[in-house]
Amino acid sequence: MAVVYSVFGLLRWIAVPCVLLFSQHAAHADLWAYVDERGAAHFAAEPLDARYQLFFRGNGLDVPGTAPATPQPLPFTLPAASARLLAFFEISPDYKRARPHLRAAARRHGVEYELLQAVIAAESGFDASAVSPRGAVGLMQLMPATARRFGVVADARRTVEQQLADPAVNVQAGARYLRYLLDQYPGRTDLALAAYNAGEGAVQRAGRQVPPIRETQNYVRTVLGLHAQLKPPAPVLAQRGAQNRGLLPAVRVAQTSNPIATEANE
């Protein structure tokens, strides 16, 4: 993500040509974000510290064990923040470098591309060199023990940890693990994400629900919120297809100021 000031400074001028027609089940979480000194983006469902600023105001997202979302009037227009989010992925050098690996892993393991995109955005901000205090490594922040479960083995040249710093290895192993979790909890992406964050045992101990762990609940909201923005519902995709074929005029979203740009970025 080369130059920090260029990432979100450019986003204020982007608009997206569509109107959303969501059902009440397509609820969105609030998304908060900041860009660190290395240029990596950090997303969260709430401001984890003073660096986070509101990036997208959602209409609530139901996660078991938390207060239910309040239904909002429908339809509503795609917020300009969504346009900035989409633009972020188009201009981020780190994302562009990872994109071929996401495509390959999505095809091989049958995981939605946009879900992988959302998980990596939440896990590492597309920083392939990221290492967590607990020892999770790379784009999908895999623990070495988990990576070994899903096919990553040391060889004469590289340890498991060193291999996980390679996006090609990391994304394949992470996608394989995510596919396994999605199969363990059919139709419950929230539980698969909770297990990815807190471990399968935590989900089982919670009675196959999202555990009452604030970090995990925030993580699930963050990834689902990102995924909802990156993968709009079918009516929007159909409208985009019609626009691309020249059957419908484009509907543009009004430009707004960038809510997570700092004064130095202005």
Protein backbone atom coordinates (compact mmCIF):
# COMPACT_ATOMS: atom_id res chain seq x y z
CA MET A 1 0.00 0.00 0.00
CA ALA A 2 2.87 2.23 -0.99
CA VAL A 3 2.01 5.78 0.12
CA VAL A 4 -0.36 6.25 3.05
CA TYR A 5 -1.73 9.65 2.12
CA SER A 6 -2.66 8.53 -1.39
CA VAL A 7 -4.81 5.58 -0.35
CA PHE A 8 -7.80 7.26 1.22
CA GLY A 9 -7.22 10.72 -0.21
CA LEU A 10 -8.18 9.38 -3.63
CA LEU A 11 -11.29 7.64 -2.35
CA ARG A 12 -13.31 10.81 -1.73
CA TRP A 13 -13.74 11.27 -5.50
CA ILE A 14 -15.08 7.80 -6.27
CA ALA A 15 -18.76 7.07 -6.87
CA VAL A 16 -20.56 3.78 -7.55
CA PRO A 17 -23.37 3.47 -10.12
CA CYS A 18 -26.03 1.51 -8.32
CA VAL A 19 -28.97 1.60 -5.92
CA LEU A 20 -29.30 -1.14 -3.33
CA LEU A 21 -32.55 -3.03 -2.82
CA PHE A 22 -31.76 -5.01 0.32
CA SER A 23 -33.97 -7.38 2.24
CA GLN A 24 -33.92 -7.12 6.02
CA HIS A 25 -31.53 -10.09 6.08
CA ALA A 26 -28.85 -8.13 4.20
CA ALA A 27 -27.98 -6.09 7.27
CA HIS A 28 -24.70 -4.20 7.40
CA ALA A 29 -22.43 -3.59 10.34
CA ASP A 30 -20.81 -0.27 11.04
CA LEU A 31 -17.25 -0.30 9.78
CA TRP A 32 -14.47 1.71 11.36
CA ALA A 33 -10.98 2.01 9.90
CA TYR A 34 -7.59 3.64 9.98
CA VAL A 35 -4.41 3.41 7.91
CA ASP A 36 -1.22 2.76 9.85
CA GLU A 37 2.23 4.23 9.25
CA ARG A 38 3.09 1.36 6.88
CA GLY A 39 0.01 2.01 4.76
CA ALA A 40 -1.94 -1.07 5.93
CA ALA A 41 -5.67 -0.61 6.45
CA HIS A 42 -7.30 -1.80 9.67
CA PHE A 43 -11.05 -2.46 9.79
CA ALA A 44 -13.24 -3.09 12.83
CA ALA A 45 -16.90 -3.18 13.82
CA GLU A 46 -16.29 -0.58 16.51
CA PRO A 47 -13.54 1.97 17.24
CA LEU A 48 -10.94 -0.15 19.02
CA ASP A 49 -8.88 2.93 19.87
CA ALA A 50 -8.62 6.62 19.05
CA ARG A 51 -7.08 5.97 15.62
CA TYR A 52 -10.29 4.47 14.21
CA GLN A 53 -12.76 6.71 12.39
CA LEU A 54 -16.18 5.80 11.04
CA PHE A 55 -15.87 4.52 7.48
CA PHE A 56 -19.35 3.16 6.86
CA ARG A 57 -22.54 3.55 8.86
CA GLY A 58 -24.46 0.29 8.65
CA ASN A 59 -28.02 -0.58 9.54
CA GLY A 60 -27.13 -3.21 12.11
CA LEU A 61 -26.02 -6.84 11.88
CA ASP A 62 -27.49 -9.69 13.87
CA VAL A 63 -24.94 -11.86 15.66
CA PRO A 64 -26.30 -14.44 18.14
CA GLY A 65 -25.77 -13.33 21.71
CA THR A 66 -25.95 -9.63 20.86
CA ALA A 67 -28.74 -7.11 20.47
CA PRO A 68 -30.70 -7.72 17.24
CA ALA A 69 -30.49 -5.28 14.38
CA THR A 70 -33.23 -2.72 13.88
CA PRO A 71 -34.80 -2.99 10.40
CA GLN A 72 -34.22 0.11 8.27
CA PRO A 73 -36.38 1.71 5.57
CA LEU A 74 -35.83 0.12 2.16
CA PRO A 75 -34.60 0.70 -0.47
CA PHE A 76 -31.61 2.90 0.27
CA THR A 77 -28.74 4.20 -1.81
CA LEU A 78 -25.28 2.70 -1.69
CA PRO A 79 -23.35 4.95 0.72
CA ALA A 80 -20.38 6.82 -0.66
CA ALA A 81 -18.25 5.00 1.94
CA SER A 82 -18.95 1.78 0.05
CA ALA A 83 -17.54 3.40 -3.04
CA ARG A 84 -14.44 4.32 -1.09
CA LEU A 85 -14.12 0.76 0.18
CA LEU A 86 -14.32 -0.66 -3.33
CA ALA A 87 -11.85 1.96 -4.56
CA PHE A 88 -9.44 1.07 -1.77
CA PHE A 89 -9.09 -2.44 -3.14
CA GLU A 90 -8.59 -1.11 -6.64
CA ILE A 91 -5.71 1.21 -5.74
CA SER A 92 -3.95 -0.80 -3.02
CA PRO A 93 -0.66 -2.27 -4.30
CA ASP A 94 -0.69 -4.95 -1.60
CA TYR A 95 -4.17 -6.06 -2.63
CA LYS A 96 -3.20 -6.12 -6.30
CA ARG A 97 -0.22 -8.35 -5.51
CA ALA A 98 -2.45 -10.75 -3.56
CA ARG A 99 -5.33 -10.80 -6.04
CA PRO A 100 -4.06 -13.69 -8.25
CA HIS A 101 -3.61 -15.85 -5.14
CA LEU A 102 -7.15 -15.07 -3.98
CA ARG A 103 -8.54 -16.03 -7.37
CA ALA A 104 -6.62 -19.30 -7.46
CA ALA A 105 -7.60 -20.23 -3.89
CA ALA A 106 -11.25 -19.28 -4.39
CA ARG A 107 -11.48 -21.53 -7.46
CA ARG A 108 -9.58 -24.44 -5.92
CA HIS A 109 -11.43 -24.54 -2.60
CA GLY A 110 -14.86 -23.23 -3.58
CA VAL A 111 -14.76 -20.20 -1.29
CA GLU A 112 -16.29 -16.93 -2.43
CA TYR A 113 -13.60 -14.56 -3.63
CA GLU A 114 -15.20 -11.67 -1.77
CA LEU A 115 -15.28 -13.65 1.48
CA LEU A 116 -11.55 -14.33 1.21
CA GLN A 117 -11.07 -10.65 0.43
CA ALA A 118 -13.02 -9.64 3.55
CA VAL A 119 -11.20 -12.11 5.81
CA ILE A 120 -7.78 -10.93 4.66
CA ALA A 121 -8.77 -7.27 4.99
CA ALA A 122 -9.84 -7.91 8.59
CA GLU A 123 -6.92 -10.19 9.44
CA SER A 124 -3.93 -8.36 7.98
CA GLY A 125 -5.03 -5.43 5.83
CA PHE A 126 -3.24 -7.28 2.99
CA ASP A 127 0.13 -7.00 4.72
CA ALA A 128 1.84 -10.27 3.75
CA SER A 129 4.54 -9.74 6.37
CA ALA A 130 2.13 -9.32 9.29
CA VAL A 131 2.86 -11.40 12.40
CA SER A 132 0.52 -11.22 15.39
CA PRO A 133 1.66 -11.22 19.03
CA ARG A 134 0.36 -14.81 19.24
CA GLY A 135 2.43 -15.92 16.25
CA ALA A 136 -0.18 -15.90 13.48
CA VAL A 137 1.52 -15.24 10.16
CA GLY A 138 0.78 -13.58 6.83
CA LEU A 139 -2.24 -12.48 4.88
CA MET A 140 -4.73 -14.83 6.52
CA GLN A 141 -2.96 -14.77 9.91
CA LEU A 142 -2.55 -18.53 10.20
CA MET A 143 -1.03 -20.17 13.24
CA PRO A 144 1.74 -22.58 12.19
CA ALA A 145 -0.06 -25.50 13.86
CA THR A 146 -3.22 -24.75 11.86
CA ALA A 147 -1.20 -24.43 8.67
CA ARG A 148 0.30 -27.87 9.25
CA ARG A 149 -3.22 -29.30 9.59
CA PHE A 150 -4.02 -27.97 6.15
CA GLY A 151 -1.00 -29.02 4.19
CA VAL A 152 1.87 -26.64 4.91
CA VAL A 153 5.05 -28.56 5.73
CA ALA A 154 8.59 -27.43 6.37
CA ASP A 155 11.23 -28.33 3.82
CA ALA A 156 15.00 -28.02 3.56
CA ARG A 157 14.78 -24.35 2.61
CA ARG A 158 11.91 -22.91 4.65
CA THR A 159 10.19 -23.43 7.98
CA VAL A 160 6.40 -23.42 8.15
CA GLU A 161 6.51 -19.83 9.42
CA GLN A 162 8.68 -18.76 6.49
CA GLN A 163 6.37 -20.49 4.04
CA LEU A 164 3.37 -18.69 5.52
CA ALA A 165 5.01 -15.36 4.64
CA ASP A 166 4.59 -16.42 0.99
CA PRO A 167 1.13 -15.23 -0.16
CA ALA A 168 0.78 -18.20 -2.52
CA VAL A 169 1.17 -20.65 0.37
CA ASN A 170 -0.69 -18.58 2.96
CA VAL A 171 -3.85 -17.94 0.96
CA GLN A 172 -4.15 -21.54 -0.24
CA ALA A 173 -3.83 -22.90 3.30
CA GLY A 174 -6.14 -20.26 4.75
CA ALA A 175 -8.79 -20.85 2.09
CA ARG A 176 -8.60 -24.59 2.67
CA TYR A 177 -9.12 -24.04 6.40
CA LEU A 178 -12.01 -21.65 5.78
CA ARG A 179 -13.62 -24.15 3.40
CA TYR A 180 -13.35 -26.79 6.12
CA LEU A 181 -15.06 -24.49 8.62
CA LEU A 182 -17.83 -23.54 6.19
CA ASP A 183 -18.51 -27.25 5.72
CA GLN A 184 -18.59 -27.78 9.49
CA TYR A 185 -21.29 -25.13 9.89
CA PRO A 186 -23.47 -25.33 6.76
CA GLY A 187 -25.34 -22.12 6.06
CA ARG A 188 -23.71 -20.38 9.04
CA THR A 189 -20.90 -18.22 7.74
CA ASP A 190 -20.95 -16.39 11.07
CA LEU A 191 -20.01 -19.59 12.91
CA ALA A 192 -17.27 -20.43 10.40
CA LEU A 193 -15.79 -16.97 10.95
CA ALA A 194 -16.12 -17.26 14.71
CA ALA A 195 -14.24 -20.58 14.59
CA TYR A 196 -11.58 -19.02 12.36
CA ASN A 197 -11.06 -16.30 14.97
CA ALA A 198 -11.55 -18.11 18.29
CA GLY A 199 -11.13 -21.77 17.38
CA GLU A 200 -13.58 -24.56 16.72
CA GLY A 201 -13.61 -25.53 20.39
CA ALA A 202 -14.88 -22.09 21.43
CA VAL A 203 -17.82 -22.37 19.03
CA GLN A 204 -18.65 -25.85 20.33
CA ARG A 205 -18.47 -24.71 23.96
CA ALA A 206 -20.86 -21.86 23.11
CA GLY A 207 -23.43 -24.40 21.90
CA ARG A 208 -22.58 -23.92 18.22
CA GLN A 209 -23.16 -20.20 18.50
CA VAL A 210 -20.83 -17.22 18.17
CA PRO A 211 -18.95 -17.29 21.49
CA PRO A 212 -19.62 -14.49 23.98
CA ILE A 213 -16.16 -13.09 23.35
CA ARG A 214 -16.18 -9.43 22.41
CA GLU A 215 -13.17 -9.73 20.08
CA THR A 216 -14.79 -12.63 18.22
CA GLN A 217 -18.19 -10.96 17.94
CA ASN A 218 -16.54 -7.81 16.59
CA TYR A 219 -14.49 -9.90 14.17
CA VAL A 220 -17.59 -11.63 12.82
CA ARG A 221 -19.37 -8.30 12.37
CA THR A 222 -16.33 -6.79 10.66
CA VAL A 223 -15.87 -9.60 8.14
CA LEU A 224 -19.59 -9.91 7.38
CA GLY A 225 -19.82 -6.13 6.99
CA LEU A 226 -16.88 -6.06 4.60
CA HIS A 227 -18.28 -9.02 2.70
CA ALA A 228 -21.67 -7.35 2.37
CA GLN A 229 -20.04 -4.29 0.83
CA LEU A 230 -17.76 -6.26 -1.47
CA LYS A 231 -20.47 -8.72 -2.60
CA PRO A 232 -23.78 -6.84 -3.06
CA PRO A 233 -27.01 -8.88 -3.22
CA ALA A 234 -28.31 -10.38 -6.45
CA PRO A 235 -30.58 -7.46 -7.50
CA VAL A 236 -27.62 -5.10 -7.43
CA LEU A 237 -25.42 -7.49 -9.38
CA ALA A 238 -28.20 -7.88 -11.95
CA GLN A 239 -28.52 -4.11 -12.23
CA ARG A 240 -24.77 -3.74 -12.69
CA GLY A 241 -24.88 -6.35 -15.44
CA ALA A 242 -27.67 -4.47 -17.19
CA GLN A 243 -25.72 -1.22 -16.89
CA ASN A 244 -22.63 -2.89 -18.33
CA ARG A 245 -24.72 -4.07 -21.28
CA GLY A 246 -26.04 -0.54 -21.77
CA LEU A 247 -29.63 -1.43 -20.81
CA LEU A 248 -29.89 0.91 -17.82
CA PRO A 249 -28.46 4.35 -17.06
CA ALA A 250 -25.91 4.54 -14.27
CA VAL A 251 -27.09 6.01 -10.95
CA ARG A 252 -24.28 7.86 -9.24
CA VAL A 253 -23.85 8.43 -5.54
CA ALA A 254 -23.22 11.94 -4.32
CA GLN A 255 -19.62 12.58 -3.36
CA THR A 256 -18.95 13.13 0.32
CA SER A 257 -15.94 13.95 2.39
CA ASN A 258 -13.66 11.11 3.43
CA PRO A 259 -14.48 10.22 7.07
CA ILE A 260 -11.21 8.46 7.78
CA ALA A 261 -8.78 10.87 6.16
CA THR A 262 -6.58 12.72 8.62
CA GLU A 263 -5.87 16.42 8.37
CA ALA A 264 -2.51 15.56 6.87
CA ASN A 265 -4.27 13.63 4.15
CA GLU A 266 -6.50 16.51 3.13
